[in-house]
Amino acid sequence: MFVICGPKLSICGFIISIWGIIMMGLLGVFFLIKSPLLLEDIPATKEDFEERAKVDAIFQQSAYNCWVVAGVYVFVGLFSYFQMRMNSRQQYVVT
């Protein structure tokens, strides 16, 4: 693997990825337990609220979407971590 981003960008990407994993994971859990505070954040129309099963399905789909995004943050975090490692190795090489 070769260096694509510098040391500051790789550290920033790693920190943001950790925060994204935590935030999106918790948000997915809150959607799964159907938190009332997230009711206005689901993509539902007024007709969807007439049937509880539709609202439950929308909450569940939103939870899955959050967990998929958390998985993407895992890959971005791994990439940033490897870039940090490559940048630290590059500093010790004397040419």
PDB file of N, CA and C in Angstrom:
ATOM      1  N   MET A   1       0.850  -1.177   0.000  1.00  0.00           N
ATOM      2  CA  MET A   1       0.000   0.000   0.000  1.00  0.00           C
ATOM      3  C   MET A   1       0.895   1.239   0.000  1.00  0.00           C
ATOM      4  N   PHE A   2       0.470   2.256  -0.674  1.00  0.00           N
ATOM      5  CA  PHE A   2       1.255   3.470  -0.755  1.00  0.00           C
ATOM      6  C   PHE A   2       0.493   4.628  -0.117  1.00  0.00           C
ATOM      7  N   VAL A   3       1.213   5.714   0.122  1.00  0.00           N
ATOM      8  CA  VAL A   3       0.640   6.868   0.817  1.00  0.00           C
ATOM      9  C   VAL A   3      -0.245   7.649  -0.144  1.00  0.00           C
ATOM     10  N   ILE A   4      -1.500   7.835   0.234  1.00  0.00           N
ATOM     11  CA  ILE A   4      -2.448   8.608  -0.564  1.00  0.00           C
ATOM     12  C   ILE A   4      -2.721   9.949   0.094  1.00  0.00           C
ATOM     13  N   CYS A   5      -2.840   9.952   1.425  1.00  0.00           N
ATOM     14  CA  CYS A   5      -3.100  11.206   2.133  1.00  0.00           C
ATOM     15  C   CYS A   5      -2.036  11.414   3.204  1.00  0.00           C
ATOM     16  N   GLY A   6      -1.874  12.655   3.588  1.00  0.00           N
ATOM     17  CA  GLY A   6      -0.839  13.025   4.535  1.00  0.00           C
ATOM     18  C   GLY A   6      -1.178  12.651   5.965  1.00  0.00           C
ATOM     19  N   PRO A   7      -0.248  12.963   6.885  1.00  0.00           N
ATOM     20  CA  PRO A   7      -0.459  12.558   8.280  1.00  0.00           C
ATOM     21  C   PRO A   7      -1.644  13.259   8.951  1.00  0.00           C
ATOM     22  N   LYS A   8      -1.836  14.536   8.685  1.00  0.00           N
ATOM     23  CA  LYS A   8      -2.939  15.257   9.334  1.00  0.00           C
ATOM     24  C   LYS A   8      -4.289  14.778   8.824  1.00  0.00           C
ATOM     25  N   LEU A   9      -4.404  14.564   7.523  1.00  0.00           N
ATOM     26  CA  LEU A   9      -5.666  14.096   6.950  1.00  0.00           C
ATOM     27  C   LEU A   9      -5.991  12.678   7.408  1.00  0.00           C
ATOM     28  N   SER A  10      -4.982  11.836   7.520  1.00  0.00           N
ATOM     29  CA  SER A  10      -5.245  10.466   7.959  1.00  0.00           C
ATOM     30  C   SER A  10      -5.681  10.426   9.421  1.00  0.00           C
ATOM     31  N   ILE A  11      -5.100  11.260  10.268  1.00  0.00           N
ATOM     32  CA  ILE A  11      -5.530  11.324  11.672  1.00  0.00           C
ATOM     33  C   ILE A  11      -6.945  11.876  11.768  1.00  0.00           C
ATOM     34  N   CYS A  12      -7.239  12.910  11.005  1.00  0.00           N
ATOM     35  CA  CYS A  12      -8.582  13.498  10.995  1.00  0.00           C
ATOM     36  C   CYS A  12      -9.613  12.478  10.512  1.00  0.00           C
ATOM     37  N   GLY A  13      -9.312  11.762   9.451  1.00  0.00           N
ATOM     38  CA  GLY A  13     -10.222  10.743   8.944  1.00  0.00           C
ATOM     39  C   GLY A  13     -10.449   9.624   9.943  1.00  0.00           C
ATOM     40  N   PHE A  14      -9.408   9.257  10.674  1.00  0.00           N
ATOM     41  CA  PHE A  14      -9.530   8.199  11.674  1.00  0.00           C
ATOM     42  C   PHE A  14     -10.424   8.638  12.829  1.00  0.00           C
ATOM     43  N   ILE A  15     -10.230   9.859  13.312  1.00  0.00           N
ATOM     44  CA  ILE A  15     -11.043  10.372  14.425  1.00  0.00           C
ATOM     45  C   ILE A  15     -12.501  10.525  14.003  1.00  0.00           C
ATOM     46  N   ILE A  16     -12.736  11.072  12.821  1.00  0.00           N
ATOM     47  CA  ILE A  16     -14.110  11.232  12.341  1.00  0.00           C
ATOM     48  C   ILE A  16     -14.763   9.865  12.128  1.00  0.00           C
ATOM     49  N   SER A  17     -14.001   8.883  11.691  1.00  0.00           N
ATOM     50  CA  SER A  17     -14.553   7.543  11.502  1.00  0.00           C
ATOM     51  C   SER A  17     -14.968   6.916  12.826  1.00  0.00           C
ATOM     52  N   ILE A  18     -14.155   7.093  13.850  1.00  0.00           N
ATOM     53  CA  ILE A  18     -14.523   6.562  15.167  1.00  0.00           C
ATOM     54  C   ILE A  18     -15.819   7.201  15.646  1.00  0.00           C
ATOM     55  N   TRP A  19     -15.914   8.525  15.504  1.00  0.00           N
ATOM     56  CA  TRP A  19     -17.132   9.209  15.917  1.00  0.00           C
ATOM     57  C   TRP A  19     -18.326   8.750  15.069  1.00  0.00           C
ATOM     58  N   GLY A  20     -18.142   8.570  13.780  1.00  0.00           N
ATOM     59  CA  GLY A  20     -19.225   8.131  12.911  1.00  0.00           C
ATOM     60  C   GLY A  20     -19.718   6.735  13.261  1.00  0.00           C
ATOM     61  N   ILE A  21     -18.799   5.840  13.593  1.00  0.00           N
ATOM     62  CA  ILE A  21     -19.190   4.482  13.981  1.00  0.00           C
ATOM     63  C   ILE A  21     -20.038   4.517  15.246  1.00  0.00           C
ATOM     64  N   ILE A  22     -19.592   5.287  16.233  1.00  0.00           N
ATOM     65  CA  ILE A  22     -20.336   5.381  17.492  1.00  0.00           C
ATOM     66  C   ILE A  22     -21.704   6.013  17.259  1.00  0.00           C
ATOM     67  N   MET A  23     -21.730   7.145  16.569  1.00  0.00           N
ATOM     68  CA  MET A  23     -22.978   7.881  16.385  1.00  0.00           C
ATOM     69  C   MET A  23     -23.984   7.088  15.554  1.00  0.00           C
ATOM     70  N   MET A  24     -23.554   6.545  14.420  1.00  0.00           N
ATOM     71  CA  MET A  24     -24.491   5.835  13.555  1.00  0.00           C
ATOM     72  C   MET A  24     -24.932   4.505  14.174  1.00  0.00           C
ATOM     73  N   GLY A  25     -24.051   3.871  14.929  1.00  0.00           N
ATOM     74  CA  GLY A  25     -24.449   2.654  15.629  1.00  0.00           C
ATOM     75  C   GLY A  25     -25.531   2.920  16.661  1.00  0.00           C
ATOM     76  N   LEU A  26     -25.331   3.971  17.457  1.00  0.00           N
ATOM     77  CA  LEU A  26     -26.350   4.328  18.450  1.00  0.00           C
ATOM     78  C   LEU A  26     -27.642   4.788  17.794  1.00  0.00           C
ATOM     79  N   LEU A  27     -27.531   5.547  16.718  1.00  0.00           N
ATOM     80  CA  LEU A  27     -28.730   6.005  16.019  1.00  0.00           C
ATOM     81  C   LEU A  27     -29.510   4.818  15.454  1.00  0.00           C
ATOM     82  N   GLY A  28     -28.799   3.814  14.955  1.00  0.00           N
ATOM     83  CA  GLY A  28     -29.463   2.607  14.479  1.00  0.00           C
ATOM     84  C   GLY A  28     -30.190   1.875  15.593  1.00  0.00           C
ATOM     85  N   VAL A  29     -29.575   1.822  16.774  1.00  0.00           N
ATOM     86  CA  VAL A  29     -30.237   1.196  17.921  1.00  0.00           C
ATOM     87  C   VAL A  29     -31.485   1.978  18.301  1.00  0.00           C
ATOM     88  N   PHE A  30     -31.395   3.301  18.297  1.00  0.00           N
ATOM     89  CA  PHE A  30     -32.556   4.116  18.661  1.00  0.00           C
ATOM     90  C   PHE A  30     -33.680   3.987  17.635  1.00  0.00           C
ATOM     91  N   PHE A  31     -33.332   3.860  16.364  1.00  0.00           N
ATOM     92  CA  PHE A  31     -34.368   3.606  15.362  1.00  0.00           C
ATOM     93  C   PHE A  31     -34.986   2.222  15.566  1.00  0.00           C
ATOM     94  N   LEU A  32     -34.174   1.241  15.944  1.00  0.00           N
ATOM     95  CA  LEU A  32     -34.682  -0.115  16.125  1.00  0.00           C
ATOM     96  C   LEU A  32     -35.657  -0.202  17.297  1.00  0.00           C
ATOM     97  N   ILE A  33     -35.389   0.554  18.370  1.00  0.00           N
ATOM     98  CA  ILE A  33     -36.311   0.524  19.512  1.00  0.00           C
ATOM     99  C   ILE A  33     -37.451   1.525  19.341  1.00  0.00           C
ATOM    100  N   LYS A  34     -37.508   2.163  18.178  1.00  0.00           N
ATOM    101  CA  LYS A  34     -38.596   3.087  17.804  1.00  0.00           C
ATOM    102  C   LYS A  34     -38.718   4.248  18.781  1.00  0.00           C
ATOM    103  N   SER A  35     -37.626   4.954  18.943  1.00  0.00           N
ATOM    104  CA  SER A  35     -37.611   6.110  19.835  1.00  0.00           C
ATOM    105  C   SER A  35     -38.589   7.175  19.331  1.00  0.00           C
ATOM    106  N   PRO A  36     -39.462   7.672  20.198  1.00  0.00           N
ATOM    107  CA  PRO A  36     -40.441   8.674  19.760  1.00  0.00           C
ATOM    108  C   PRO A  36     -39.805   9.981  19.279  1.00  0.00           C
ATOM    109  N   LEU A  37     -38.619  10.286  19.776  1.00  0.00           N
ATOM    110  CA  LEU A  37     -37.959  11.520  19.358  1.00  0.00           C
ATOM    111  C   LEU A  37     -37.526  11.483  17.897  1.00  0.00           C
ATOM    112  N   LEU A  38     -37.374  10.295  17.344  1.00  0.00           N
ATOM    113  CA  LEU A  38     -36.958  10.160  15.946  1.00  0.00           C
ATOM    114  C   LEU A  38     -38.138  10.034  14.992  1.00  0.00           C
ATOM    115  N   LEU A  39     -39.339  10.195  15.492  1.00  0.00           N
ATOM    116  CA  LEU A  39     -40.529  10.034  14.663  1.00  0.00           C
ATOM    117  C   LEU A  39     -40.568  11.030  13.514  1.00  0.00           C
ATOM    118  N   GLU A  40     -40.098  12.243  13.758  1.00  0.00           N
ATOM    119  CA  GLU A  40     -40.119  13.246  12.688  1.00  0.00           C
ATOM    120  C   GLU A  40     -38.961  13.083  11.709  1.00  0.00           C
ATOM    121  N   ASP A  41     -38.029  12.194  12.009  1.00  0.00           N
ATOM    122  CA  ASP A  41     -36.878  11.991  11.130  1.00  0.00           C
ATOM    123  C   ASP A  41     -37.055  10.833  10.156  1.00  0.00           C
ATOM    124  N   ILE A  42     -38.137  10.084  10.262  1.00  0.00           N
ATOM    125  CA  ILE A  42     -38.333   8.975   9.331  1.00  0.00           C
ATOM    126  C   ILE A  42     -39.029   9.484   8.071  1.00  0.00           C
ATOM    127  N   PRO A  43     -38.695   8.890   6.918  1.00  0.00           N
ATOM    128  CA  PRO A  43     -39.311   9.339   5.657  1.00  0.00           C
ATOM    129  C   PRO A  43     -40.701   8.726   5.463  1.00  0.00           C
ATOM    130  N   ALA A  44     -41.689   9.272   6.151  1.00  0.00           N
ATOM    131  CA  ALA A  44     -43.048   8.732   6.068  1.00  0.00           C
ATOM    132  C   ALA A  44     -44.027   9.845   5.723  1.00  0.00           C
ATOM    133  N   THR A  45     -45.083   9.463   5.023  1.00  0.00           N
ATOM    134  CA  THR A  45     -46.147  10.412   4.700  1.00  0.00           C
ATOM    135  C   THR A  45     -47.252  10.299   5.755  1.00  0.00           C
ATOM    136  N   LYS A  46     -48.227  11.179   5.669  1.00  0.00           N
ATOM    137  CA  LYS A  46     -49.328  11.137   6.636  1.00  0.00           C
ATOM    138  C   LYS A  46     -50.128   9.844   6.523  1.00  0.00           C
ATOM    139  N   GLU A  47     -50.223   9.306   5.313  1.00  0.00           N
ATOM    140  CA  GLU A  47     -50.952   8.058   5.117  1.00  0.00           C
ATOM    141  C   GLU A  47     -50.236   6.869   5.769  1.00  0.00           C
ATOM    142  N   ASP A  48     -48.899   6.935   5.832  1.00  0.00           N
ATOM    143  CA  ASP A  48     -48.143   5.847   6.454  1.00  0.00           C
ATOM    144  C   ASP A  48     -48.417   5.743   7.948  1.00  0.00           C
ATOM    145  N   PHE A  49     -48.743   6.851   8.582  1.00  0.00           N
ATOM    146  CA  PHE A  49     -48.969   6.838  10.023  1.00  0.00           C
ATOM    147  C   PHE A  49     -50.305   6.207  10.407  1.00  0.00           C
ATOM    148  N   GLU A  50     -51.159   5.931   9.432  1.00  0.00           N
ATOM    149  CA  GLU A  50     -52.438   5.286   9.733  1.00  0.00           C
ATOM    150  C   GLU A  50     -52.270   3.800  10.030  1.00  0.00           C
ATOM    151  N   GLU A  51     -51.211   3.186   9.515  1.00  0.00           N
ATOM    152  CA  GLU A  51     -50.942   1.772   9.771  1.00  0.00           C
ATOM    153  C   GLU A  51     -49.640   1.637  10.545  1.00  0.00           C
ATOM    154  N   ARG A  52     -49.721   1.014  11.705  1.00  0.00           N
ATOM    155  CA  ARG A  52     -48.548   0.866  12.563  1.00  0.00           C
ATOM    156  C   ARG A  52     -47.475  -0.008  11.908  1.00  0.00           C
ATOM    157  N   ALA A  53     -47.888  -0.994  11.140  1.00  0.00           N
ATOM    158  CA  ALA A  53     -46.925  -1.893  10.499  1.00  0.00           C
ATOM    159  C   ALA A  53     -46.032  -1.136   9.515  1.00  0.00           C
ATOM    160  N   LYS A  54     -46.595  -0.172   8.806  1.00  0.00           N
ATOM    161  CA  LYS A  54     -45.782   0.619   7.869  1.00  0.00           C
ATOM    162  C   LYS A  54     -44.756   1.461   8.617  1.00  0.00           C
ATOM    163  N   VAL A  55     -45.178   2.069   9.718  1.00  0.00           N
ATOM    164  CA  VAL A  55     -44.257   2.894  10.504  1.00  0.00           C
ATOM    165  C   VAL A  55     -43.155   2.028  11.101  1.00  0.00           C
ATOM    166  N   ASP A  56     -43.508   0.836  11.591  1.00  0.00           N
ATOM    167  CA  ASP A  56     -42.496  -0.073  12.131  1.00  0.00           C
ATOM    168  C   ASP A  56     -41.495  -0.496  11.060  1.00  0.00           C
ATOM    169  N   ALA A  57     -41.979  -0.752   9.851  1.00  0.00           N
ATOM    170  CA  ALA A  57     -41.083  -1.134   8.751  1.00  0.00           C
ATOM    171  C   ALA A  57     -40.157   0.018   8.374  1.00  0.00           C
ATOM    172  N   ILE A  58     -40.671   1.237   8.416  1.00  0.00           N
ATOM    173  CA  ILE A  58     -39.834   2.400   8.090  1.00  0.00           C
ATOM    174  C   ILE A  58     -38.772   2.601   9.163  1.00  0.00           C
ATOM    175  N   PHE A  59     -39.141   2.428  10.431  1.00  0.00           N
ATOM    176  CA  PHE A  59     -38.157   2.522  11.515  1.00  0.00           C
ATOM    177  C   PHE A  59     -37.069   1.469  11.343  1.00  0.00           C
ATOM    178  N   GLN A  60     -37.466   0.242  11.017  1.00  0.00           N
ATOM    179  CA  GLN A  60     -36.496  -0.831  10.853  1.00  0.00           C
ATOM    180  C   GLN A  60     -35.570  -0.566   9.661  1.00  0.00           C
ATOM    181  N   GLN A  61     -36.107  -0.067   8.566  1.00  0.00           N
ATOM    182  CA  GLN A  61     -35.277   0.248   7.406  1.00  0.00           C
ATOM    183  C   GLN A  61     -34.302   1.377   7.729  1.00  0.00           C
ATOM    184  N   SER A  62     -34.738   2.353   8.502  1.00  0.00           N
ATOM    185  CA  SER A  62     -33.843   3.440   8.900  1.00  0.00           C
ATOM    186  C   SER A  62     -32.722   2.924   9.791  1.00  0.00           C
ATOM    187  N   ALA A  63     -33.033   1.967  10.661  1.00  0.00           N
ATOM    188  CA  ALA A  63     -31.999   1.369  11.509  1.00  0.00           C
ATOM    189  C   ALA A  63     -30.967   0.639  10.657  1.00  0.00           C
ATOM    190  N   TYR A  64     -31.430  -0.134   9.671  1.00  0.00           N
ATOM    191  CA  TYR A  64     -30.497  -0.837   8.786  1.00  0.00           C
ATOM    192  C   TYR A  64     -29.632   0.145   8.004  1.00  0.00           C
ATOM    193  N   ASN A  65     -30.223   1.232   7.556  1.00  0.00           N
ATOM    194  CA  ASN A  65     -29.451   2.241   6.825  1.00  0.00           C
ATOM    195  C   ASN A  65     -28.350   2.827   7.702  1.00  0.00           C
ATOM    196  N   CYS A  66     -28.657   3.085   8.958  1.00  0.00           N
ATOM    197  CA  CYS A  66     -27.647   3.624   9.872  1.00  0.00           C
ATOM    198  C   CYS A  66     -26.511   2.632  10.077  1.00  0.00           C
ATOM    199  N   TRP A  67     -26.845   1.350  10.186  1.00  0.00           N
ATOM    200  CA  TRP A  67     -25.800   0.348  10.391  1.00  0.00           C
ATOM    201  C   TRP A  67     -24.951   0.148   9.150  1.00  0.00           C
ATOM    202  N   VAL A  68     -25.524   0.306   7.982  1.00  0.00           N
ATOM    203  CA  VAL A  68     -24.733   0.231   6.747  1.00  0.00           C
ATOM    204  C   VAL A  68     -23.735   1.383   6.702  1.00  0.00           C
ATOM    205  N   VAL A  69     -24.185   2.563   7.070  1.00  0.00           N
ATOM    206  CA  VAL A  69     -23.286   3.722   7.086  1.00  0.00           C
ATOM    207  C   VAL A  69     -22.197   3.528   8.139  1.00  0.00           C
ATOM    208  N   ALA A  70     -22.529   2.938   9.284  1.00  0.00           N
ATOM    209  CA  ALA A  70     -21.507   2.643  10.293  1.00  0.00           C
ATOM    210  C   ALA A  70     -20.471   1.671   9.731  1.00  0.00           C
ATOM    211  N   GLY A  71     -20.911   0.718   8.923  1.00  0.00           N
ATOM    212  CA  GLY A  71     -19.975  -0.197   8.273  1.00  0.00           C
ATOM    213  C   GLY A  71     -19.062   0.505   7.286  1.00  0.00           C
ATOM    214  N   VAL A  72     -19.596   1.476   6.573  1.00  0.00           N
ATOM    215  CA  VAL A  72     -18.765   2.270   5.656  1.00  0.00           C
ATOM    216  C   VAL A  72     -17.722   3.045   6.455  1.00  0.00           C
ATOM    217  N   TYR A  73     -18.135   3.583   7.610  1.00  0.00           N
ATOM    218  CA  TYR A  73     -17.183   4.290   8.469  1.00  0.00           C
ATOM    219  C   TYR A  73     -16.081   3.359   8.969  1.00  0.00           C
ATOM    220  N   VAL A  74     -16.388   2.083   9.172  1.00  0.00           N
ATOM    221  CA  VAL A  74     -15.357   1.122   9.574  1.00  0.00           C
ATOM    222  C   VAL A  74     -14.292   1.020   8.490  1.00  0.00           C
ATOM    223  N   PHE A  75     -14.719   0.905   7.236  1.00  0.00           N
ATOM    224  CA  PHE A  75     -13.748   0.802   6.147  1.00  0.00           C
ATOM    225  C   PHE A  75     -12.940   2.088   5.979  1.00  0.00           C
ATOM    226  N   VAL A  76     -13.583   3.234   6.123  1.00  0.00           N
ATOM    227  CA  VAL A  76     -12.856   4.505   6.033  1.00  0.00           C
ATOM    228  C   VAL A  76     -11.866   4.620   7.190  1.00  0.00           C
ATOM    229  N   GLY A  77     -12.275   4.170   8.367  1.00  0.00           N
ATOM    230  CA  GLY A  77     -11.375   4.192   9.518  1.00  0.00           C
ATOM    231  C   GLY A  77     -10.177   3.283   9.328  1.00  0.00           C
ATOM    232  N   LEU A  78     -10.401   2.093   8.775  1.00  0.00           N
ATOM    233  CA  LEU A  78      -9.283   1.188   8.501  1.00  0.00           C
ATOM    234  C   LEU A  78      -8.331   1.781   7.472  1.00  0.00           C
ATOM    235  N   PHE A  79      -8.890   2.391   6.434  1.00  0.00           N
ATOM    236  CA  PHE A  79      -8.048   3.037   5.432  1.00  0.00           C
ATOM    237  C   PHE A  79      -7.222   4.156   6.066  1.00  0.00           C
ATOM    238  N   SER A  80      -7.858   4.974   6.899  1.00  0.00           N
ATOM    239  CA  SER A  80      -7.143   6.073   7.553  1.00  0.00           C
ATOM    240  C   SER A  80      -6.076   5.544   8.502  1.00  0.00           C
ATOM    241  N   TYR A  81      -6.373   4.446   9.195  1.00  0.00           N
ATOM    242  CA  TYR A  81      -5.389   3.855  10.098  1.00  0.00           C
ATOM    243  C   TYR A  81      -4.163   3.374   9.324  1.00  0.00           C
ATOM    244  N   PHE A  82      -4.388   2.686   8.213  1.00  0.00           N
ATOM    245  CA  PHE A  82      -3.254   2.215   7.421  1.00  0.00           C
ATOM    246  C   PHE A  82      -2.468   3.385   6.828  1.00  0.00           C
ATOM    247  N   GLN A  83      -3.150   4.458   6.483  1.00  0.00           N
ATOM    248  CA  GLN A  83      -2.446   5.643   5.995  1.00  0.00           C
ATOM    249  C   GLN A  83      -1.612   6.277   7.112  1.00  0.00           C
ATOM    250  N   MET A  84      -2.129   6.280   8.333  1.00  0.00           N
ATOM    251  CA  MET A  84      -1.339   6.790   9.462  1.00  0.00           C
ATOM    252  C   MET A  84      -0.086   5.947   9.655  1.00  0.00           C
ATOM    253  N   ARG A  85      -0.241   4.627   9.548  1.00  0.00           N
ATOM    254  CA  ARG A  85       0.915   3.737   9.700  1.00  0.00           C
ATOM    255  C   ARG A  85       1.943   3.963   8.591  1.00  0.00           C
ATOM    256  N   MET A  86       1.474   4.135   7.363  1.00  0.00           N
ATOM    257  CA  MET A  86       2.392   4.367   6.249  1.00  0.00           C
ATOM    258  C   MET A  86       3.107   5.704   6.405  1.00  0.00           C
ATOM    259  N   ASN A  87       2.391   6.716   6.888  1.00  0.00           N
ATOM    260  CA  ASN A  87       3.025   8.016   7.101  1.00  0.00           C
ATOM    261  C   ASN A  87       4.053   7.960   8.222  1.00  0.00           C
ATOM    262  N   SER A  88       3.801   7.187   9.271  1.00  0.00           N
ATOM    263  CA  SER A  88       4.772   7.098  10.363  1.00  0.00           C
ATOM    264  C   SER A  88       6.008   6.319   9.926  1.00  0.00           C
ATOM    265  N   ARG A  89       5.843   5.313   9.093  1.00  0.00           N
ATOM    266  CA  ARG A  89       6.997   4.570   8.582  1.00  0.00           C
ATOM    267  C   ARG A  89       7.829   5.425   7.637  1.00  0.00           C
ATOM    268  N   GLN A  90       7.161   6.262   6.875  1.00  0.00           N
ATOM    269  CA  GLN A  90       7.861   7.085   5.895  1.00  0.00           C
ATOM    270  C   GLN A  90       8.742   8.131   6.578  1.00  0.00           C
ATOM    271  N   GLN A  91       8.380   8.568   7.767  1.00  0.00           N
ATOM    272  CA  GLN A  91       9.156   9.589   8.459  1.00  0.00           C
ATOM    273  C   GLN A  91      10.487   9.049   8.959  1.00  0.00           C
ATOM    274  N   TYR A  92      10.555   7.741   9.255  1.00  0.00           N
ATOM    275  CA  TYR A  92      11.775   7.164   9.795  1.00  0.00           C
ATOM    276  C   TYR A  92      12.759   6.717   8.723  1.00  0.00           C
ATOM    277  N   VAL A  93      12.339   6.677   7.485  1.00  0.00           N
ATOM    278  CA  VAL A  93      13.208   6.237   6.399  1.00  0.00           C
ATOM    279  C   VAL A  93      14.127   7.385   6.005  1.00  0.00           C
ATOM    280  N   VAL A  94      15.437   7.133   6.025  1.00  0.00           N
ATOM    281  CA  VAL A  94      16.416   8.143   5.640  1.00  0.00           C
ATOM    282  C   VAL A  94      16.911   7.798   4.242  1.00  0.00           C
ATOM    283  N   THR A  95      16.761   8.757   3.330  1.00  0.00           N
ATOM    284  CA  THR A  95      17.219   8.502   1.965  1.00  0.00           C
ATOM    285  C   THR A  95      18.344   9.416   1.591  1.00  0.00           C
TER     286      THR A  95
END
